[in-house]
């Protein structure tokens, strides 16, 4: 009899625990906009530019960018504070290239990024959450350099490179629908702000 009661209690506990975990099993979808993305601070060098200026004595100036626009999905499992998922995004920028002090054309770049991401919430007050995270993936870029007196035809090329994001601190305010701000470095920028919707 005791054995039967014990087994029954074990089964009930299992399903109760499963139901409790299931209540935390939900999804987070977000849209965000990032400023000061990594391409602004990385080495401007590329295969296309090296073919145009084989001694590599060129520099970039007057950088401007649309910023990074990202759509992200995160899955939140029963651990509650650990999120994992992916992001895909778009960024376009332009700058001026100078070779030995002379204007050598306008450089335009467009990047498409796909990355796996994870987050860990270390403060969770329900409405207010604080977290950090990392992301790792691949960026594909298309670039073009306008024609000038130095090179009479427009040139173009492709860029493939590792994409990463180190999210030092993020703050999410709200429950099902919330705003958030993240501070770090990488493909989403130094400052990344957006809107998050959680689906249970």
Protein backbone atom coordinates (compact mmCIF):
# COMPACT_ATOMS: atom_id res chain seq x y z
CA UNK A 1 0.00 0.00 0.00
CA UNK A 2 2.76 2.39 0.96
CA UNK A 3 4.56 1.56 -2.27
CA UNK A 4 1.43 2.35 -4.31
CA UNK A 5 0.91 5.68 -2.50
CA UNK A 6 4.58 6.55 -3.05
CA UNK A 7 4.38 5.78 -6.79
CA UNK A 8 1.15 7.76 -7.08
CA UNK A 9 2.72 10.72 -5.29
CA UNK A 10 5.75 10.48 -7.59
CA UNK A 11 3.57 10.51 -10.72
CA UNK A 12 1.50 13.45 -9.44
CA UNK A 13 4.70 15.35 -8.56
CA UNK A 14 6.14 14.66 -12.01
CA UNK A 15 3.10 16.05 -13.82
CA UNK A 16 2.85 19.01 -11.44
CA UNK A 17 6.50 19.82 -12.06
CA UNK A 18 6.02 19.42 -15.80
CA UNK A 19 3.02 21.75 -15.72
CA UNK A 20 5.04 24.28 -13.74
CA UNK A 21 7.89 24.16 -16.25
CA UNK A 22 5.45 24.41 -19.15
CA UNK A 23 4.14 27.68 -17.74
CA UNK A 24 7.61 29.13 -18.34
CA UNK A 25 7.98 27.58 -21.79
CA UNK A 26 7.36 30.56 -24.02
CA UNK A 27 8.80 32.61 -26.85
CA UNK A 28 10.11 36.14 -27.26
CA UNK A 29 10.04 38.00 -30.58
CA UNK A 30 11.71 41.39 -30.86
CA UNK A 31 12.55 44.14 -33.31
CA UNK A 32 15.50 46.40 -32.57
CA UNK A 33 17.62 49.22 -33.93
CA UNK A 34 21.34 49.49 -33.21
CA UNK A 35 23.74 52.41 -33.45
CA UNK A 36 27.55 52.38 -33.78
CA UNK A 37 27.78 48.90 -35.29
CA UNK A 38 31.06 47.01 -35.63
CA UNK A 39 31.76 47.98 -39.27
CA UNK A 40 32.27 51.55 -38.14
CA UNK A 41 35.20 50.51 -35.96
CA UNK A 42 36.64 47.52 -37.83
CA UNK A 43 39.45 47.61 -40.37
CA UNK A 44 38.04 48.88 -43.67
CA UNK A 45 40.22 46.45 -45.67
CA UNK A 46 38.54 44.17 -48.23
CA UNK A 47 39.51 42.13 -51.30
CA UNK A 48 37.94 44.69 -53.64
CA UNK A 49 39.76 47.65 -52.07
CA UNK A 50 43.06 45.77 -52.01
CA UNK A 51 42.72 45.13 -55.74
CA UNK A 52 42.17 48.82 -56.37
CA UNK A 53 44.97 49.95 -54.05
CA UNK A 54 47.49 47.11 -53.94
CA UNK A 55 49.82 48.86 -51.50
CA UNK A 56 46.86 49.19 -49.07
CA UNK A 57 47.62 52.83 -48.35
CA UNK A 58 44.00 53.91 -48.21
CA UNK A 59 41.87 55.22 -45.36
CA UNK A 60 38.17 55.70 -44.75
CA UNK A 61 36.60 58.99 -43.63
CA UNK A 62 33.17 60.60 -43.16
CA UNK A 63 31.41 57.38 -42.18
CA UNK A 64 27.59 57.37 -42.01
CA UNK A 65 25.19 54.49 -41.43
CA UNK A 66 21.50 53.64 -41.39
CA UNK A 67 22.19 51.63 -38.23
CA UNK A 68 21.41 47.96 -37.77
CA UNK A 69 17.81 46.72 -37.97
CA UNK A 70 17.27 43.28 -36.40
CA UNK A 71 14.48 40.74 -36.00
CA UNK A 72 15.18 38.30 -33.17
CA UNK A 73 13.59 35.18 -31.74
CA UNK A 74 14.33 33.75 -28.30
CA UNK A 75 13.03 30.59 -26.65
CA UNK A 76 12.66 30.66 -22.87
CA UNK A 77 12.64 27.20 -21.29
CA UNK A 78 11.89 26.04 -17.75
CA UNK A 79 15.17 27.47 -16.47
CA UNK A 80 13.45 30.87 -16.91
CA UNK A 81 16.65 32.91 -16.83
CA UNK A 82 18.33 31.30 -19.86
CA UNK A 83 17.16 32.36 -23.32
CA UNK A 84 18.45 31.10 -26.66
CA UNK A 85 17.56 31.82 -30.27
CA UNK A 86 18.72 33.69 -33.35
CA UNK A 87 18.78 37.13 -34.98
CA UNK A 88 18.81 38.29 -38.56
CA UNK A 89 19.52 41.84 -39.58
CA UNK A 90 20.41 44.48 -42.11
CA UNK A 91 22.73 47.48 -42.16
CA UNK A 92 23.82 49.92 -44.83
CA UNK A 93 26.61 52.46 -44.61
CA UNK A 94 28.72 54.72 -46.76
CA UNK A 95 32.02 56.54 -46.41
CA UNK A 96 34.74 58.24 -48.42
CA UNK A 97 37.98 56.52 -49.37
CA UNK A 98 41.21 58.51 -49.57
CA UNK A 99 44.40 57.24 -51.15
CA UNK A 100 47.63 59.07 -50.26
CA UNK A 101 45.55 62.04 -49.17
CA UNK A 102 43.51 62.19 -52.39
CA UNK A 103 39.79 61.47 -52.68
CA UNK A 104 39.41 58.02 -54.30
CA UNK A 105 35.65 57.43 -54.29
CA UNK A 106 32.55 56.81 -52.21
CA UNK A 107 32.36 53.39 -50.60
CA UNK A 108 28.91 51.88 -50.04
CA UNK A 109 28.38 48.72 -48.03
CA UNK A 110 25.32 46.63 -47.22
CA UNK A 111 25.49 43.83 -44.65
CA UNK A 112 23.12 40.95 -43.95
CA UNK A 113 23.73 39.09 -40.69
CA UNK A 114 22.45 35.81 -39.26
CA UNK A 115 23.56 34.79 -35.77
CA UNK A 116 22.78 32.40 -32.91
CA UNK A 117 22.29 34.14 -29.58
CA UNK A 118 21.89 33.40 -25.90
CA UNK A 119 20.99 35.54 -22.90
CA UNK A 120 21.15 35.10 -19.15
CA UNK A 121 18.88 37.12 -16.87
CA UNK A 122 20.55 37.82 -13.55
CA UNK A 123 17.88 40.23 -12.26
CA UNK A 124 14.22 39.32 -12.70
CA UNK A 125 11.62 41.44 -10.92
CA UNK A 126 8.90 40.53 -13.42
CA UNK A 127 8.35 43.95 -14.97
CA UNK A 128 12.05 44.84 -14.84
CA UNK A 129 14.68 42.39 -16.06
CA UNK A 130 18.44 42.83 -16.41
CA UNK A 131 20.52 40.47 -18.53
CA UNK A 132 23.71 39.91 -20.52
CA UNK A 133 24.29 37.85 -23.63
CA UNK A 134 26.42 36.81 -26.59
CA UNK A 135 25.83 36.20 -30.27
CA UNK A 136 27.88 34.49 -32.96
CA UNK A 137 27.17 34.14 -36.66
CA UNK A 138 28.06 35.26 -40.17
CA UNK A 139 27.77 38.57 -42.02
CA UNK A 140 27.57 38.81 -45.79
CA UNK A 141 28.36 42.20 -47.28
CA UNK A 142 28.10 43.79 -50.70
CA UNK A 143 30.26 46.82 -51.40
CA UNK A 144 30.86 49.24 -54.25
CA UNK A 145 33.39 52.02 -54.86
CA UNK A 146 32.37 54.88 -57.13
CA UNK A 147 34.45 55.86 -60.17
CA UNK A 148 36.90 58.77 -59.88
CA UNK A 149 39.85 60.20 -61.82
CA UNK A 150 42.02 57.65 -60.03
CA UNK A 151 39.97 54.67 -61.25
CA UNK A 152 37.56 55.36 -64.09
CA UNK A 153 35.10 52.51 -63.48
CA UNK A 154 32.97 51.63 -60.49
CA UNK A 155 34.19 48.51 -58.72
CA UNK A 156 32.30 46.11 -56.47
CA UNK A 157 32.89 43.05 -54.31
CA UNK A 158 31.61 40.72 -51.61
CA UNK A 159 32.59 40.42 -47.96
CA UNK A 160 32.17 37.36 -45.73
CA UNK A 161 33.14 37.67 -42.10
CA UNK A 162 32.47 36.39 -38.62
CA UNK A 163 29.77 38.32 -36.78
CA UNK A 164 29.66 38.58 -33.02
CA UNK A 165 27.82 40.54 -30.37
CA UNK A 166 28.87 40.98 -26.75
CA UNK A 167 25.90 42.31 -24.83
CA UNK A 168 27.37 43.61 -21.58
CA UNK A 169 24.07 44.77 -20.08
CA UNK A 170 20.46 44.80 -21.22
CA UNK A 171 17.35 46.12 -19.49
CA UNK A 172 13.82 44.96 -20.40
CA UNK A 173 10.85 46.86 -18.92
CA UNK A 174 7.39 45.36 -19.25
CA UNK A 175 5.73 41.95 -19.23
CA UNK A 176 4.14 40.53 -22.37
CA UNK A 177 4.95 43.65 -24.37
CA UNK A 178 8.08 45.48 -23.30
CA UNK A 179 10.73 47.94 -24.38
CA UNK A 180 14.39 47.17 -23.96
CA UNK A 181 17.84 48.72 -24.30
CA UNK A 182 21.12 46.83 -24.66
CA UNK A 183 24.69 48.06 -24.35
CA UNK A 184 27.63 46.16 -25.79
CA UNK A 185 29.67 45.79 -28.95
CA UNK A 186 29.23 43.97 -32.25
CA UNK A 187 26.84 43.60 -35.15
CA UNK A 188 23.93 45.16 -33.21
CA UNK A 189 25.98 48.16 -32.18
CA UNK A 190 27.06 49.77 -28.96
CA UNK A 191 23.46 50.82 -28.22
CA UNK A 192 20.56 48.60 -29.32
CA UNK A 193 16.95 49.51 -28.48
CA UNK A 194 13.68 47.85 -29.41
CA UNK A 195 10.34 46.30 -28.66
CA UNK A 196 9.83 42.76 -27.32
CA UNK A 197 6.66 40.63 -27.38
CA UNK A 198 6.41 37.38 -25.41
CA UNK A 199 4.07 34.63 -26.58
CA UNK A 200 3.02 32.03 -24.01
